[in-house]
Amino acid sequence: MDVVTSAVETNAPEKNLSPWEFSCDLEVDYKSDEIASIVYSTMAVDKELQPDKVRRSMSVSNGKLSVRFQATEARFLRASYSAFVDVLTLATKTIEQFGTSM
């Protein structure tokens, strides 16, 4: 597993046209569509606890899991990203330990 990119963006408050002022992108390269799809399916069941404050969108392409977070405040972005990465790490370690033949 390789974390390819992780970026955080903020929009200037005076130019903010939407409430989703803070965003972050994460891309993890699993080098396998099968593993990336398994992780995607695992992570997709957990919805955001505060969807009015945080949005998360995910996709899989060429063995990479891409995730985009958008939030109304930096603290909601941080909390959502942190919780997501914790569960993502657990899912990845489980696949590494037991393989995909389960």
N, C-alpha and C. Protein backbone atom coordinates (compact mmCIF):
# COMPACT_ATOMS: atom_id res chain seq x y z
N MET A 1 0.84 -1.17 0.00
CA MET A 1 0.00 0.00 0.00
C MET A 1 0.89 1.23 0.00
N ASP A 2 0.61 2.12 -0.92
CA ASP A 2 1.34 3.38 -0.99
C ASP A 2 0.34 4.52 -0.92
N VAL A 3 0.59 5.47 -0.03
CA VAL A 3 -0.20 6.69 -0.03
C VAL A 3 0.41 7.58 -1.09
N VAL A 4 -0.34 7.80 -2.16
CA VAL A 4 0.19 8.54 -3.28
C VAL A 4 0.10 10.03 -3.03
N THR A 5 -1.06 10.50 -2.64
CA THR A 5 -1.20 11.94 -2.39
C THR A 5 -2.13 12.19 -1.22
N SER A 6 -1.91 13.28 -0.60
CA SER A 6 -2.80 13.78 0.44
C SER A 6 -2.66 15.28 0.44
N ALA A 7 -3.74 15.99 0.19
CA ALA A 7 -3.69 17.44 0.08
C ALA A 7 -4.87 18.06 0.80
N VAL A 8 -4.63 19.20 1.40
CA VAL A 8 -5.69 19.94 2.09
C VAL A 8 -5.83 21.29 1.42
N GLU A 9 -7.07 21.70 1.19
CA GLU A 9 -7.33 23.00 0.58
C GLU A 9 -8.27 23.78 1.48
N THR A 10 -8.12 25.09 1.48
CA THR A 10 -9.09 25.96 2.12
C THR A 10 -9.41 27.08 1.15
N ASN A 11 -10.66 27.49 1.15
CA ASN A 11 -11.08 28.60 0.32
C ASN A 11 -11.09 29.86 1.16
N ALA A 12 -10.71 30.96 0.56
CA ALA A 12 -10.74 32.24 1.28
C ALA A 12 -12.17 32.56 1.67
N PRO A 13 -12.42 32.97 2.92
CA PRO A 13 -13.78 33.23 3.38
C PRO A 13 -14.53 34.25 2.52
N GLU A 14 -13.84 35.25 2.00
CA GLU A 14 -14.52 36.26 1.22
C GLU A 14 -14.97 35.75 -0.14
N LYS A 15 -14.40 34.65 -0.62
CA LYS A 15 -14.78 34.09 -1.90
C LYS A 15 -15.56 32.79 -1.74
N ASN A 16 -15.93 32.46 -0.55
CA ASN A 16 -16.60 31.21 -0.25
C ASN A 16 -18.03 31.24 -0.79
N LEU A 17 -18.29 30.46 -1.84
CA LEU A 17 -19.62 30.41 -2.43
C LEU A 17 -20.45 29.25 -1.90
N SER A 18 -19.81 28.34 -1.19
CA SER A 18 -20.53 27.20 -0.62
C SER A 18 -20.08 27.00 0.82
N PRO A 19 -20.84 26.25 1.59
CA PRO A 19 -20.44 26.03 2.98
C PRO A 19 -19.29 25.05 3.12
N TRP A 20 -18.87 24.40 2.03
CA TRP A 20 -17.82 23.38 2.07
C TRP A 20 -16.46 24.04 1.85
N GLU A 21 -16.05 24.83 2.82
CA GLU A 21 -14.85 25.64 2.72
C GLU A 21 -13.55 24.84 2.78
N PHE A 22 -13.55 23.73 3.48
CA PHE A 22 -12.34 22.95 3.70
C PHE A 22 -12.44 21.62 2.96
N SER A 23 -11.34 21.21 2.33
CA SER A 23 -11.35 19.93 1.62
C SER A 23 -10.00 19.25 1.72
N CYS A 24 -10.01 17.96 1.50
CA CYS A 24 -8.79 17.16 1.59
C CYS A 24 -8.94 15.97 0.65
N ASP A 25 -7.89 15.66 -0.09
CA ASP A 25 -7.88 14.52 -0.99
C ASP A 25 -6.86 13.50 -0.51
N LEU A 26 -7.23 12.24 -0.61
CA LEU A 26 -6.35 11.14 -0.22
C LEU A 26 -6.39 10.10 -1.32
N GLU A 27 -5.24 9.61 -1.73
CA GLU A 27 -5.18 8.55 -2.72
C GLU A 27 -4.24 7.46 -2.20
N VAL A 28 -4.74 6.23 -2.18
CA VAL A 28 -3.94 5.10 -1.70
C VAL A 28 -3.82 4.10 -2.84
N ASP A 29 -2.60 3.75 -3.18
CA ASP A 29 -2.34 2.83 -4.28
C ASP A 29 -2.17 1.42 -3.73
N TYR A 30 -3.16 0.55 -3.99
CA TYR A 30 -3.09 -0.84 -3.55
C TYR A 30 -2.48 -1.73 -4.62
N LYS A 31 -2.26 -1.18 -5.82
CA LYS A 31 -1.66 -1.89 -6.94
C LYS A 31 -2.50 -3.09 -7.39
N SER A 32 -3.77 -3.11 -6.99
CA SER A 32 -4.67 -4.19 -7.36
C SER A 32 -6.10 -3.65 -7.30
N ASP A 33 -6.83 -3.81 -8.41
CA ASP A 33 -8.24 -3.39 -8.42
C ASP A 33 -9.06 -4.19 -7.41
N GLU A 34 -8.72 -5.47 -7.27
CA GLU A 34 -9.47 -6.34 -6.36
C GLU A 34 -9.33 -5.85 -4.91
N ILE A 35 -8.13 -5.58 -4.48
CA ILE A 35 -7.92 -5.13 -3.10
C ILE A 35 -8.50 -3.75 -2.89
N ALA A 36 -8.29 -2.85 -3.84
CA ALA A 36 -8.85 -1.50 -3.73
C ALA A 36 -10.38 -1.56 -3.65
N SER A 37 -11.00 -2.45 -4.41
CA SER A 37 -12.46 -2.59 -4.38
C SER A 37 -12.95 -3.17 -3.05
N ILE A 38 -12.18 -4.10 -2.50
CA ILE A 38 -12.54 -4.67 -1.19
C ILE A 38 -12.50 -3.58 -0.12
N VAL A 39 -11.44 -2.80 -0.13
CA VAL A 39 -11.32 -1.71 0.85
C VAL A 39 -12.43 -0.68 0.63
N TYR A 40 -12.71 -0.35 -0.62
CA TYR A 40 -13.79 0.59 -0.94
C TYR A 40 -15.11 0.08 -0.35
N SER A 41 -15.43 -1.18 -0.60
CA SER A 41 -16.69 -1.76 -0.10
C SER A 41 -16.75 -1.75 1.41
N THR A 42 -15.62 -2.00 2.04
CA THR A 42 -15.55 -1.99 3.50
C THR A 42 -15.80 -0.60 4.05
N MET A 43 -15.20 0.39 3.43
CA MET A 43 -15.29 1.77 3.92
C MET A 43 -16.63 2.43 3.56
N ALA A 44 -17.26 1.99 2.48
CA ALA A 44 -18.49 2.63 2.01
C ALA A 44 -19.67 2.44 2.96
N VAL A 45 -19.66 1.40 3.78
CA VAL A 45 -20.78 1.16 4.69
C VAL A 45 -20.86 2.19 5.81
N ASP A 46 -19.72 2.74 6.20
CA ASP A 46 -19.71 3.74 7.26
C ASP A 46 -19.97 5.12 6.68
N LYS A 47 -21.16 5.64 6.94
CA LYS A 47 -21.51 6.97 6.45
C LYS A 47 -21.01 8.01 7.44
N GLU A 48 -20.90 9.23 6.98
CA GLU A 48 -20.49 10.33 7.85
C GLU A 48 -21.53 10.54 8.95
N LEU A 49 -21.07 10.78 10.16
CA LEU A 49 -21.99 10.98 11.28
C LEU A 49 -22.71 12.32 11.21
N GLN A 50 -22.07 13.31 10.59
CA GLN A 50 -22.67 14.63 10.45
C GLN A 50 -22.63 15.05 8.98
N PRO A 51 -23.51 14.47 8.15
CA PRO A 51 -23.46 14.75 6.72
C PRO A 51 -23.75 16.21 6.35
N ASP A 52 -24.32 16.95 7.27
CA ASP A 52 -24.53 18.37 7.00
C ASP A 52 -23.25 19.19 7.22
N LYS A 53 -22.23 18.54 7.82
CA LYS A 53 -20.97 19.24 8.10
C LYS A 53 -19.77 18.64 7.36
N VAL A 54 -19.88 17.37 6.98
CA VAL A 54 -18.78 16.69 6.28
C VAL A 54 -19.34 15.83 5.15
N ARG A 55 -18.70 15.91 3.99
CA ARG A 55 -19.04 15.04 2.86
C ARG A 55 -17.79 14.25 2.49
N ARG A 56 -18.02 13.00 2.11
CA ARG A 56 -16.92 12.15 1.68
C ARG A 56 -17.34 11.44 0.40
N SER A 57 -16.49 11.48 -0.60
CA SER A 57 -16.75 10.73 -1.84
C SER A 57 -15.53 9.86 -2.14
N MET A 58 -15.81 8.65 -2.60
CA MET A 58 -14.73 7.69 -2.86
C MET A 58 -14.88 7.10 -4.25
N SER A 59 -13.76 6.68 -4.81
CA SER A 59 -13.78 5.98 -6.09
C SER A 59 -12.56 5.07 -6.16
N VAL A 60 -12.65 4.09 -7.06
CA VAL A 60 -11.54 3.16 -7.30
C VAL A 60 -11.22 3.19 -8.78
N SER A 61 -9.93 3.32 -9.08
CA SER A 61 -9.49 3.31 -10.47
C SER A 61 -8.03 2.86 -10.53
N ASN A 62 -7.75 1.91 -11.40
CA ASN A 62 -6.38 1.41 -11.60
C ASN A 62 -5.70 0.99 -10.30
N GLY A 63 -6.42 0.32 -9.44
CA GLY A 63 -5.85 -0.17 -8.19
C GLY A 63 -5.67 0.88 -7.12
N LYS A 64 -6.23 2.07 -7.34
CA LYS A 64 -6.09 3.15 -6.37
C LYS A 64 -7.45 3.52 -5.78
N LEU A 65 -7.46 3.72 -4.49
CA LEU A 65 -8.63 4.23 -3.79
C LEU A 65 -8.45 5.73 -3.63
N SER A 66 -9.38 6.50 -4.17
CA SER A 66 -9.33 7.96 -4.07
C SER A 66 -10.48 8.43 -3.18
N VAL A 67 -10.15 9.30 -2.25
CA VAL A 67 -11.15 9.80 -1.31
C VAL A 67 -11.06 11.32 -1.26
N ARG A 68 -12.21 11.98 -1.30
CA ARG A 68 -12.26 13.44 -1.17
C ARG A 68 -13.18 13.77 0.00
N PHE A 69 -12.65 14.55 0.91
CA PHE A 69 -13.41 15.03 2.06
C PHE A 69 -13.69 16.51 1.85
N GLN A 70 -14.89 16.94 2.23
CA GLN A 70 -15.24 18.36 2.24
C GLN A 70 -15.96 18.64 3.54
N ALA A 71 -15.65 19.78 4.16
CA ALA A 71 -16.24 20.10 5.46
C ALA A 71 -16.50 21.59 5.59
N THR A 72 -17.39 21.90 6.52
CA THR A 72 -17.73 23.30 6.77
C THR A 72 -16.72 23.96 7.69
N GLU A 73 -16.03 23.15 8.51
CA GLU A 73 -15.02 23.68 9.43
C GLU A 73 -13.82 22.74 9.45
N ALA A 74 -12.65 23.30 9.74
CA ALA A 74 -11.42 22.50 9.75
C ALA A 74 -11.49 21.38 10.78
N ARG A 75 -12.10 21.63 11.93
CA ARG A 75 -12.14 20.60 12.97
C ARG A 75 -12.98 19.40 12.54
N PHE A 76 -14.04 19.62 11.77
CA PHE A 76 -14.84 18.50 11.27
C PHE A 76 -14.07 17.72 10.21
N LEU A 77 -13.31 18.42 9.39
CA LEU A 77 -12.48 17.77 8.38
C LEU A 77 -11.43 16.89 9.06
N ARG A 78 -10.75 17.43 10.05
CA ARG A 78 -9.71 16.69 10.77
C ARG A 78 -10.28 15.44 11.43
N ALA A 79 -11.40 15.59 12.11
CA ALA A 79 -12.00 14.45 12.81
C ALA A 79 -12.43 13.36 11.84
N SER A 80 -13.07 13.75 10.75
CA SER A 80 -13.53 12.78 9.77
C SER A 80 -12.36 12.07 9.09
N TYR A 81 -11.35 12.83 8.69
CA TYR A 81 -10.17 12.28 8.04
C TYR A 81 -9.45 11.31 8.98
N SER A 82 -9.27 11.72 10.22
CA SER A 82 -8.57 10.89 11.20
C SER A 82 -9.30 9.57 11.44
N ALA A 83 -10.61 9.63 11.64
CA ALA A 83 -11.39 8.42 11.87
C ALA A 83 -11.34 7.50 10.65
N PHE A 84 -11.43 8.11 9.47
CA PHE A 84 -11.39 7.33 8.23
C PHE A 84 -10.05 6.60 8.09
N VAL A 85 -8.95 7.31 8.32
CA VAL A 85 -7.63 6.70 8.19
C VAL A 85 -7.42 5.58 9.21
N ASP A 86 -7.97 5.72 10.40
CA ASP A 86 -7.87 4.66 11.40
C ASP A 86 -8.53 3.37 10.90
N VAL A 87 -9.75 3.49 10.36
CA VAL A 87 -10.47 2.31 9.88
C VAL A 87 -9.83 1.80 8.59
N LEU A 88 -9.35 2.70 7.73
CA LEU A 88 -8.65 2.30 6.51
C LEU A 88 -7.41 1.48 6.84
N THR A 89 -6.67 1.90 7.84
CA THR A 89 -5.48 1.17 8.28
C THR A 89 -5.85 -0.23 8.77
N LEU A 90 -6.92 -0.33 9.54
CA LEU A 90 -7.38 -1.63 10.03
C LEU A 90 -7.78 -2.53 8.87
N ALA A 91 -8.54 -2.01 7.92
CA ALA A 91 -8.96 -2.81 6.77
C ALA A 91 -7.75 -3.28 5.96
N THR A 92 -6.80 -2.40 5.76
CA THR A 92 -5.60 -2.74 4.98
C THR A 92 -4.77 -3.80 5.70
N LYS A 93 -4.58 -3.65 6.99
CA LYS A 93 -3.81 -4.64 7.75
C LYS A 93 -4.50 -6.00 7.77
N THR A 94 -5.82 -6.01 7.82
CA THR A 94 -6.58 -7.26 7.79
C THR A 94 -6.35 -7.99 6.47
N ILE A 95 -6.41 -7.25 5.36
CA ILE A 95 -6.17 -7.86 4.05
C ILE A 95 -4.73 -8.35 3.95
N GLU A 96 -3.79 -7.58 4.45
CA GLU A 96 -2.38 -7.99 4.43
C GLU A 96 -2.18 -9.27 5.25
N GLN A 97 -2.85 -9.37 6.38
CA GLN A 97 -2.69 -10.51 7.28
C GLN A 97 -3.36 -11.78 6.73
N PHE A 98 -4.60 -11.63 6.24
CA PHE A 98 -5.38 -12.81 5.87
C PHE A 98 -5.54 -12.99 4.37
N GLY A 99 -5.14 -12.02 3.58
CA GLY A 99 -5.27 -12.14 2.12
C GLY A 99 -6.68 -11.90 1.64
N THR A 100 -6.88 -12.09 0.36
CA THR A 100 -8.20 -11.87 -0.24
C THR A 100 -8.98 -13.14 -0.44
N SER A 101 -8.45 -14.27 -0.03
CA SER A 101 -9.11 -15.56 -0.26
C SER A 101 -10.15 -15.90 0.81
N MET A 102 -10.37 -14.96 1.74
CA MET A 102 -11.37 -15.22 2.79
C MET A 102 -12.70 -15.31 2.13
